[in-house]
């Protein structure tokens, strides 16, 4: 989990948010499309879609743009054939990397990923090459706004969560995959403000790398994050706070 959270903090600290590069709406729209296709177009009965819409609104995506994304999922047409794919690779220093993509064209995605990895001394790998070093878990980020950590922890554990950790942006509730949606619905119903919710790939072991490789890894992560098709990147190395 440290690898994923660390990169999230790097993005915040460096100020290199997707919105500053103009590809945020593309990523948000694709998440809405996939969420609606998987769980249906009604956000009341689809917690993933509800979270995607909330995130889109928090980033000032217009309501009509959100609605068009939902309609694409249900009505077909251009841009509706988005699918969720996970790619694996090795970064500088042998760091294991998992890249979650939402794409409507795999023939575009793979060459872009291969180019990004190659630029920083990494490479794409076969399916299963690095995934064994990660564990899929639910992650629900709760806003701190007056939230009692004790109350949240009790509510989360009662609902089936594994752990609650305090992070810079809020409280991170970690769940088993099969309890993810139930915990999300329970916490939302209890009045806790959910900032983000996703099924993440968290490393089960960490790789030690040199400072030079850490700097190259940050550059690789930035390259990947700039790609429209890339939604999330997970890796198993600690990056020093003063790198990047």
C-alpha atoms as a PDB file:
ATOM      1  CA  UNK A   1       0.000   0.000   0.000  1.00  0.00           C
ATOM      2  CA  UNK A   2       2.909   2.306   0.704  1.00  0.00           C
ATOM      3  CA  UNK A   3       3.914   2.396  -2.943  1.00  0.00           C
ATOM      4  CA  UNK A   4       0.510   3.508  -4.145  1.00  0.00           C
ATOM      5  CA  UNK A   5      -0.055   6.025  -1.359  1.00  0.00           C
ATOM      6  CA  UNK A   6       3.454   7.418  -1.725  1.00  0.00           C
ATOM      7  CA  UNK A   7       2.894   8.161  -5.411  1.00  0.00           C
ATOM      8  CA  UNK A   8      -0.433   9.807  -4.622  1.00  0.00           C
ATOM      9  CA  UNK A   9       1.396  12.071  -2.182  1.00  0.00           C
ATOM     10  CA  UNK A  10       4.074  12.841  -4.769  1.00  0.00           C
ATOM     11  CA  UNK A  11       1.435  13.932  -7.259  1.00  0.00           C
ATOM     12  CA  UNK A  12      -0.148  16.211  -4.674  1.00  0.00           C
ATOM     13  CA  UNK A  13       3.174  17.657  -3.499  1.00  0.00           C
ATOM     14  CA  UNK A  14       4.454  18.303  -7.008  1.00  0.00           C
ATOM     15  CA  UNK A  15       1.151  19.840  -8.081  1.00  0.00           C
ATOM     16  CA  UNK A  16       1.120  17.776 -11.256  1.00  0.00           C
ATOM     17  CA  UNK A  17      -2.553  16.924 -11.112  1.00  0.00           C
ATOM     18  CA  UNK A  18      -4.329  15.540 -14.157  1.00  0.00           C
ATOM     19  CA  UNK A  19      -6.434  18.689 -14.355  1.00  0.00           C
ATOM     20  CA  UNK A  20      -3.341  20.766 -15.081  1.00  0.00           C
ATOM     21  CA  UNK A  21      -2.627  18.664 -18.160  1.00  0.00           C
ATOM     22  CA  UNK A  22      -6.140  18.552 -19.509  1.00  0.00           C
ATOM     23  CA  UNK A  23      -6.648  14.781 -19.428  1.00  0.00           C
ATOM     24  CA  UNK A  24      -8.616  14.549 -16.192  1.00  0.00           C
ATOM     25  CA  UNK A  25     -12.070  14.683 -17.813  1.00  0.00           C
ATOM     26  CA  UNK A  26     -11.105  11.891 -20.209  1.00  0.00           C
ATOM     27  CA  UNK A  27     -10.109   9.647 -17.301  1.00  0.00           C
ATOM     28  CA  UNK A  28     -13.163  10.529 -15.241  1.00  0.00           C
ATOM     29  CA  UNK A  29     -15.499   9.918 -18.182  1.00  0.00           C
ATOM     30  CA  UNK A  30     -14.013   6.502 -18.822  1.00  0.00           C
ATOM     31  CA  UNK A  31     -14.418   5.533 -15.170  1.00  0.00           C
ATOM     32  CA  UNK A  32     -18.087   6.571 -15.333  1.00  0.00           C
ATOM     33  CA  UNK A  33     -18.611   4.575 -18.535  1.00  0.00           C
ATOM     34  CA  UNK A  34     -17.045   1.402 -17.151  1.00  0.00           C
ATOM     35  CA  UNK A  35     -18.817   1.788 -13.806  1.00  0.00           C
ATOM     36  CA  UNK A  36     -22.202   2.159 -15.526  1.00  0.00           C
ATOM     37  CA  UNK A  37     -21.526  -0.817 -17.811  1.00  0.00           C
ATOM     38  CA  UNK A  38     -20.516  -3.066 -14.915  1.00  0.00           C
ATOM     39  CA  UNK A  39     -23.132  -2.113 -12.343  1.00  0.00           C
ATOM     40  CA  UNK A  40     -25.900  -0.356 -14.256  1.00  0.00           C
ATOM     41  CA  UNK A  41     -26.699   3.319 -14.941  1.00  0.00           C
ATOM     42  CA  UNK A  42     -28.497   4.049 -11.660  1.00  0.00           C
ATOM     43  CA  UNK A  43     -26.027   5.502  -9.129  1.00  0.00           C
ATOM     44  CA  UNK A  44     -28.405   4.697  -6.259  1.00  0.00           C
ATOM     45  CA  UNK A  45     -27.863   1.001  -6.864  1.00  0.00           C
ATOM     46  CA  UNK A  46     -24.309   1.216  -8.178  1.00  0.00           C
ATOM     47  CA  UNK A  47     -21.792   2.347  -5.551  1.00  0.00           C
ATOM     48  CA  UNK A  48     -18.887   2.405  -7.996  1.00  0.00           C
ATOM     49  CA  UNK A  49     -20.802   4.693 -10.340  1.00  0.00           C
ATOM     50  CA  UNK A  50     -21.908   6.868  -7.435  1.00  0.00           C
ATOM     51  CA  UNK A  51     -18.291   7.313  -6.368  1.00  0.00           C
ATOM     52  CA  UNK A  52     -17.172   8.037  -9.943  1.00  0.00           C
ATOM     53  CA  UNK A  53     -19.851  10.721 -10.318  1.00  0.00           C
ATOM     54  CA  UNK A  54     -18.925  12.279  -6.976  1.00  0.00           C
ATOM     55  CA  UNK A  55     -15.281  12.420  -7.993  1.00  0.00           C
ATOM     56  CA  UNK A  56     -16.207  13.950 -11.344  1.00  0.00           C
ATOM     57  CA  UNK A  57     -18.319  16.625  -9.672  1.00  0.00           C
ATOM     58  CA  UNK A  58     -15.575  17.404  -7.171  1.00  0.00           C
ATOM     59  CA  UNK A  59     -13.333  18.106 -10.156  1.00  0.00           C
ATOM     60  CA  UNK A  60     -15.977  20.413 -11.698  1.00  0.00           C
ATOM     61  CA  UNK A  61     -17.036  18.154 -14.531  1.00  0.00           C
ATOM     62  CA  UNK A  62     -20.304  19.558 -15.957  1.00  0.00           C
ATOM     63  CA  UNK A  63     -23.459  17.547 -15.276  1.00  0.00           C
ATOM     64  CA  UNK A  64     -24.214  17.166 -18.985  1.00  0.00           C
ATOM     65  CA  UNK A  65     -20.759  15.657 -19.556  1.00  0.00           C
ATOM     66  CA  UNK A  66     -21.399  13.173 -16.748  1.00  0.00           C
ATOM     67  CA  UNK A  67     -24.786  12.287 -18.205  1.00  0.00           C
ATOM     68  CA  UNK A  68     -23.316  11.778 -21.683  1.00  0.00           C
ATOM     69  CA  UNK A  69     -20.788   9.328 -20.243  1.00  0.00           C
ATOM     70  CA  UNK A  70     -23.580   7.320 -18.601  1.00  0.00           C
ATOM     71  CA  UNK A  71     -25.588   7.348 -21.831  1.00  0.00           C
ATOM     72  CA  UNK A  72     -22.569   6.080 -23.763  1.00  0.00           C
ATOM     73  CA  UNK A  73     -22.383   3.097 -21.419  1.00  0.00           C
ATOM     74  CA  UNK A  74     -26.022   2.196 -21.925  1.00  0.00           C
ATOM     75  CA  UNK A  75     -26.639   3.337 -25.481  1.00  0.00           C
ATOM     76  CA  UNK A  76     -23.432   2.385 -27.222  1.00  0.00           C
ATOM     77  CA  UNK A  77     -21.912   4.529 -29.934  1.00  0.00           C
ATOM     78  CA  UNK A  78     -18.488   6.119 -30.169  1.00  0.00           C
ATOM     79  CA  UNK A  79     -16.492   5.912 -26.954  1.00  0.00           C
ATOM     80  CA  UNK A  80     -18.740   3.280 -25.367  1.00  0.00           C
ATOM     81  CA  UNK A  81     -16.429   0.290 -25.861  1.00  0.00           C
ATOM     82  CA  UNK A  82     -14.138   1.190 -22.962  1.00  0.00           C
ATOM     83  CA  UNK A  83     -12.742  -1.782 -21.072  1.00  0.00           C
ATOM     84  CA  UNK A  84     -10.716  -2.134 -17.897  1.00  0.00           C
ATOM     85  CA  UNK A  85      -7.331  -3.823 -18.289  1.00  0.00           C
ATOM     86  CA  UNK A  86      -4.343  -4.403 -16.014  1.00  0.00           C
ATOM     87  CA  UNK A  87      -0.802  -4.401 -17.376  1.00  0.00           C
ATOM     88  CA  UNK A  88       2.384  -5.540 -15.642  1.00  0.00           C
ATOM     89  CA  UNK A  89       5.953  -4.394 -15.960  1.00  0.00           C
ATOM     90  CA  UNK A  90       9.328  -3.769 -14.393  1.00  0.00           C
ATOM     91  CA  UNK A  91      10.691  -0.321 -13.649  1.00  0.00           C
ATOM     92  CA  UNK A  92      14.188   0.944 -12.775  1.00  0.00           C
ATOM     93  CA  UNK A  93      15.920  -1.231 -10.184  1.00  0.00           C
ATOM     94  CA  UNK A  94      13.587  -4.138 -10.895  1.00  0.00           C
ATOM     95  CA  UNK A  95      10.577  -2.453  -9.276  1.00  0.00           C
ATOM     96  CA  UNK A  96       7.354  -4.380  -9.934  1.00  0.00           C
ATOM     97  CA  UNK A  97       4.648  -2.174 -11.477  1.00  0.00           C
ATOM     98  CA  UNK A  98       0.946  -2.763 -12.094  1.00  0.00           C
ATOM     99  CA  UNK A  99      -0.860  -0.319 -14.395  1.00  0.00           C
ATOM    100  CA  UNK A 100      -4.653  -0.103 -14.420  1.00  0.00           C
ATOM    101  CA  UNK A 101      -5.971   1.185 -17.747  1.00  0.00           C
ATOM    102  CA  UNK A 102      -9.391   2.096 -19.104  1.00  0.00           C
ATOM    103  CA  UNK A 103      -9.120   2.032 -22.865  1.00  0.00           C
ATOM    104  CA  UNK A 104     -11.181   1.838 -26.017  1.00  0.00           C
ATOM    105  CA  UNK A 105      -8.184   0.820 -28.118  1.00  0.00           C
ATOM    106  CA  UNK A 106      -5.642  -1.730 -26.862  1.00  0.00           C
ATOM    107  CA  UNK A 107      -3.625  -1.259 -30.045  1.00  0.00           C
ATOM    108  CA  UNK A 108      -2.943   2.296 -28.888  1.00  0.00           C
ATOM    109  CA  UNK A 109      -2.485   1.569 -25.209  1.00  0.00           C
ATOM    110  CA  UNK A 110       0.197  -1.110 -25.378  1.00  0.00           C
ATOM    111  CA  UNK A 111       2.668   0.831 -27.576  1.00  0.00           C
ATOM    112  CA  UNK A 112       2.223   3.919 -25.385  1.00  0.00           C
ATOM    113  CA  UNK A 113       2.949   1.898 -22.250  1.00  0.00           C
ATOM    114  CA  UNK A 114       5.922   0.163 -23.844  1.00  0.00           C
ATOM    115  CA  UNK A 115       7.363   3.521 -24.922  1.00  0.00           C
ATOM    116  CA  UNK A 116       6.933   5.028 -21.436  1.00  0.00           C
ATOM    117  CA  UNK A 117       8.583   2.046 -19.726  1.00  0.00           C
ATOM    118  CA  UNK A 118      11.433   1.946 -22.232  1.00  0.00           C
ATOM    119  CA  UNK A 119      12.256   5.627 -21.811  1.00  0.00           C
ATOM    120  CA  UNK A 120      13.207   5.054 -18.168  1.00  0.00           C
ATOM    121  CA  UNK A 121      14.904   1.669 -18.414  1.00  0.00           C
ATOM    122  CA  UNK A 122      11.862  -0.462 -17.701  1.00  0.00           C
ATOM    123  CA  UNK A 123       9.804  -2.899 -19.738  1.00  0.00           C
ATOM    124  CA  UNK A 124       6.336  -4.396 -20.011  1.00  0.00           C
ATOM    125  CA  UNK A 125       6.082  -7.971 -18.776  1.00  0.00           C
ATOM    126  CA  UNK A 126       3.882 -10.982 -19.398  1.00  0.00           C
ATOM    127  CA  UNK A 127       0.676 -11.395 -17.409  1.00  0.00           C
ATOM    128  CA  UNK A 128       1.468 -12.965 -14.061  1.00  0.00           C
ATOM    129  CA  UNK A 129       5.100 -11.870 -14.040  1.00  0.00           C
ATOM    130  CA  UNK A 130       4.692  -9.364 -11.218  1.00  0.00           C
ATOM    131  CA  UNK A 131       1.055  -9.629 -10.100  1.00  0.00           C
ATOM    132  CA  UNK A 132       1.973 -12.315  -7.544  1.00  0.00           C
ATOM    133  CA  UNK A 133       3.764  -9.566  -5.602  1.00  0.00           C
ATOM    134  CA  UNK A 134       0.504  -7.658  -5.076  1.00  0.00           C
ATOM    135  CA  UNK A 135      -2.739  -8.257  -3.204  1.00  0.00           C
ATOM    136  CA  UNK A 136      -6.022  -6.782  -4.360  1.00  0.00           C
ATOM    137  CA  UNK A 137      -7.835  -4.890  -1.607  1.00  0.00           C
ATOM    138  CA  UNK A 138     -10.572  -2.317  -1.331  1.00  0.00           C
ATOM    139  CA  UNK A 139      -9.495   1.191  -0.372  1.00  0.00           C
ATOM    140  CA  UNK A 140     -12.001   3.826   0.761  1.00  0.00           C
ATOM    141  CA  UNK A 141     -10.697   7.305   1.525  1.00  0.00           C
ATOM    142  CA  UNK A 142     -12.789   9.150   4.119  1.00  0.00           C
ATOM    143  CA  UNK A 143     -12.636  12.936   4.584  1.00  0.00           C
ATOM    144  CA  UNK A 144     -11.203  14.139   7.883  1.00  0.00           C
ATOM    145  CA  UNK A 145     -13.756  16.982   8.245  1.00  0.00           C
ATOM    146  CA  UNK A 146     -14.526  16.500  11.923  1.00  0.00           C
ATOM    147  CA  UNK A 147     -14.413  12.708  11.545  1.00  0.00           C
ATOM    148  CA  UNK A 148     -13.650  10.790  14.719  1.00  0.00           C
ATOM    149  CA  UNK A 149     -11.059   8.145  13.919  1.00  0.00           C
ATOM    150  CA  UNK A 150     -12.397   5.966  16.723  1.00  0.00           C
ATOM    151  CA  UNK A 151     -15.984   6.175  15.466  1.00  0.00           C
ATOM    152  CA  UNK A 152     -14.886   5.519  11.890  1.00  0.00           C
ATOM    153  CA  UNK A 153     -12.751   2.548  12.922  1.00  0.00           C
ATOM    154  CA  UNK A 154     -15.581   0.956  14.870  1.00  0.00           C
ATOM    155  CA  UNK A 155     -18.058   1.497  12.019  1.00  0.00           C
ATOM    156  CA  UNK A 156     -15.612   0.233   9.398  1.00  0.00           C
ATOM    157  CA  UNK A 157     -14.610  -2.907  11.289  1.00  0.00           C
ATOM    158  CA  UNK A 158     -18.247  -3.696  12.102  1.00  0.00           C
ATOM    159  CA  UNK A 159     -19.019  -3.451   8.370  1.00  0.00           C
ATOM    160  CA  UNK A 160     -16.234  -5.886   7.459  1.00  0.00           C
ATOM    161  CA  UNK A 161     -13.138  -3.708   6.915  1.00  0.00           C
ATOM    162  CA  UNK A 162      -9.638  -4.954   7.733  1.00  0.00           C
ATOM    163  CA  UNK A 163      -7.958  -1.734   8.850  1.00  0.00           C
ATOM    164  CA  UNK A 164      -8.189   2.067   9.099  1.00  0.00           C
ATOM    165  CA  UNK A 165      -5.099   4.233   8.609  1.00  0.00           C
ATOM    166  CA  UNK A 166      -4.625   7.982   8.814  1.00  0.00           C
ATOM    167  CA  UNK A 167      -3.119   9.580   5.711  1.00  0.00           C
ATOM    168  CA  UNK A 168      -2.423  13.146   4.643  1.00  0.00           C
ATOM    169  CA  UNK A 169      -5.680  13.484   2.716  1.00  0.00           C
ATOM    170  CA  UNK A 170      -7.964  11.553   5.063  1.00  0.00           C
ATOM    171  CA  UNK A 171      -8.578   8.184   6.694  1.00  0.00           C
ATOM    172  CA  UNK A 172      -7.918   5.150   4.508  1.00  0.00           C
ATOM    173  CA  UNK A 173     -10.253   2.216   5.125  1.00  0.00           C
ATOM    174  CA  UNK A 174      -8.839  -1.073   3.829  1.00  0.00           C
ATOM    175  CA  UNK A 175     -11.213  -3.941   3.056  1.00  0.00           C
ATOM    176  CA  UNK A 176     -11.203  -7.452   1.593  1.00  0.00           C
ATOM    177  CA  UNK A 177     -12.350  -7.445  -2.023  1.00  0.00           C
ATOM    178  CA  UNK A 178     -15.613  -9.248  -1.247  1.00  0.00           C
ATOM    179  CA  UNK A 179     -16.536  -6.707   1.456  1.00  0.00           C
ATOM    180  CA  UNK A 180     -15.557  -3.570  -0.480  1.00  0.00           C
ATOM    181  CA  UNK A 181     -18.997  -2.493  -1.694  1.00  0.00           C
ATOM    182  CA  UNK A 182     -20.754  -3.454   1.537  1.00  0.00           C
ATOM    183  CA  UNK A 183     -18.327  -1.376   3.620  1.00  0.00           C
ATOM    184  CA  UNK A 184     -18.639   1.533   1.204  1.00  0.00           C
ATOM    185  CA  UNK A 185     -22.442   1.501   1.395  1.00  0.00           C
ATOM    186  CA  UNK A 186     -22.389   1.122   5.181  1.00  0.00           C
ATOM    187  CA  UNK A 187     -19.984   4.036   5.749  1.00  0.00           C
ATOM    188  CA  UNK A 188     -21.855   6.271   3.325  1.00  0.00           C
ATOM    189  CA  UNK A 189     -25.124   5.448   5.072  1.00  0.00           C
ATOM    190  CA  UNK A 190     -23.528   6.273   8.429  1.00  0.00           C
ATOM    191  CA  UNK A 191     -22.753   9.778   7.193  1.00  0.00           C
ATOM    192  CA  UNK A 192     -19.034   9.494   6.503  1.00  0.00           C
ATOM    193  CA  UNK A 193     -17.877  11.518   3.478  1.00  0.00           C
ATOM    194  CA  UNK A 194     -16.226   9.238   0.905  1.00  0.00           C
ATOM    195  CA  UNK A 195     -13.604  11.029  -1.181  1.00  0.00           C
ATOM    196  CA  UNK A 196     -12.429   8.057  -3.228  1.00  0.00           C
ATOM    197  CA  UNK A 197     -13.088   4.326  -3.399  1.00  0.00           C
ATOM    198  CA  UNK A 198     -11.318   1.741  -5.507  1.00  0.00           C
ATOM    199  CA  UNK A 199     -10.044  -1.796  -5.682  1.00  0.00           C
ATOM    200  CA  UNK A 200      -6.283  -1.330  -5.412  1.00  0.00           C
ATOM    201  CA  UNK A 201      -3.311  -3.628  -6.012  1.00  0.00           C
ATOM    202  CA  UNK A 202      -1.165  -3.322  -2.893  1.00  0.00           C
ATOM    203  CA  UNK A 203       2.386  -4.718  -2.729  1.00  0.00           C
ATOM    204  CA  UNK A 204       3.011  -7.660  -0.423  1.00  0.00           C
ATOM    205  CA  UNK A 205       6.776  -7.040  -0.347  1.00  0.00           C
ATOM    206  CA  UNK A 206       8.928  -3.986  -1.028  1.00  0.00           C
ATOM    207  CA  UNK A 207      12.004  -3.603  -3.231  1.00  0.00           C
ATOM    208  CA  UNK A 208      14.955  -1.463  -2.147  1.00  0.00           C
ATOM    209  CA  UNK A 209      16.295   0.772  -4.914  1.00  0.00           C
ATOM    210  CA  UNK A 210      19.055   3.345  -5.260  1.00  0.00           C
ATOM    211  CA  UNK A 211      18.380   7.077  -5.285  1.00  0.00           C
ATOM    212  CA  UNK A 212      19.143   7.175  -9.008  1.00  0.00           C
ATOM    213  CA  UNK A 213      16.617   4.435  -9.693  1.00  0.00           C
ATOM    214  CA  UNK A 214      14.081   6.205  -7.449  1.00  0.00           C
ATOM    215  CA  UNK A 215      14.440   9.352  -9.547  1.00  0.00           C
ATOM    216  CA  UNK A 216      13.992   7.347 -12.743  1.00  0.00           C
ATOM    217  CA  UNK A 217      10.976   5.598 -11.234  1.00  0.00           C
ATOM    218  CA  UNK A 218       9.326   8.947 -10.497  1.00  0.00           C
ATOM    219  CA  UNK A 219       9.920  10.023 -14.105  1.00  0.00           C
ATOM    220  CA  UNK A 220       8.389   6.751 -15.329  1.00  0.00           C
ATOM    221  CA  UNK A 221       5.341   7.213 -13.090  1.00  0.00           C
ATOM    222  CA  UNK A 222       4.912  10.737 -14.434  1.00  0.00           C
ATOM    223  CA  UNK A 223       5.085   9.459 -18.015  1.00  0.00           C
ATOM    224  CA  UNK A 224       2.477   6.820 -17.264  1.00  0.00           C
ATOM    225  CA  UNK A 225       0.215   9.282 -15.472  1.00  0.00           C
ATOM    226  CA  UNK A 226       0.241  11.573 -18.508  1.00  0.00           C
ATOM    227  CA  UNK A 227      -1.349   8.858 -20.672  1.00  0.00           C
ATOM    228  CA  UNK A 228      -5.124   9.191 -21.044  1.00  0.00           C
ATOM    229  CA  UNK A 229      -5.595   5.423 -20.819  1.00  0.00           C
ATOM    230  CA  UNK A 230      -3.803   5.072 -17.462  1.00  0.00           C
ATOM    231  CA  UNK A 231      -6.048   5.341 -14.411  1.00  0.00           C
ATOM    232  CA  UNK A 232      -3.855   4.068 -11.571  1.00  0.00           C
ATOM    233  CA  UNK A 233      -0.292   2.848 -11.100  1.00  0.00           C
ATOM    234  CA  UNK A 234       0.867   0.546  -8.295  1.00  0.00           C
ATOM    235  CA  UNK A 235       4.474  -0.347  -7.444  1.00  0.00           C
ATOM    236  CA  UNK A 236       6.497  -2.019  -4.704  1.00  0.00           C
ATOM    237  CA  UNK A 237       9.261   0.464  -3.817  1.00  0.00           C
ATOM    238  CA  UNK A 238       9.586   3.222  -1.250  1.00  0.00           C
ATOM    239  CA  UNK A 239      10.444   6.626  -2.727  1.00  0.00           C
ATOM    240  CA  UNK A 240      12.253   9.118  -0.471  1.00  0.00           C
ATOM    241  CA  UNK A 241      10.235  12.259   0.235  1.00  0.00           C
ATOM    242  CA  UNK A 242      12.925  14.500  -1.268  1.00  0.00           C
ATOM    243  CA  UNK A 243      13.042  12.639  -4.598  1.00  0.00           C
ATOM    244  CA  UNK A 244      11.192  14.241  -7.490  1.00  0.00           C
END
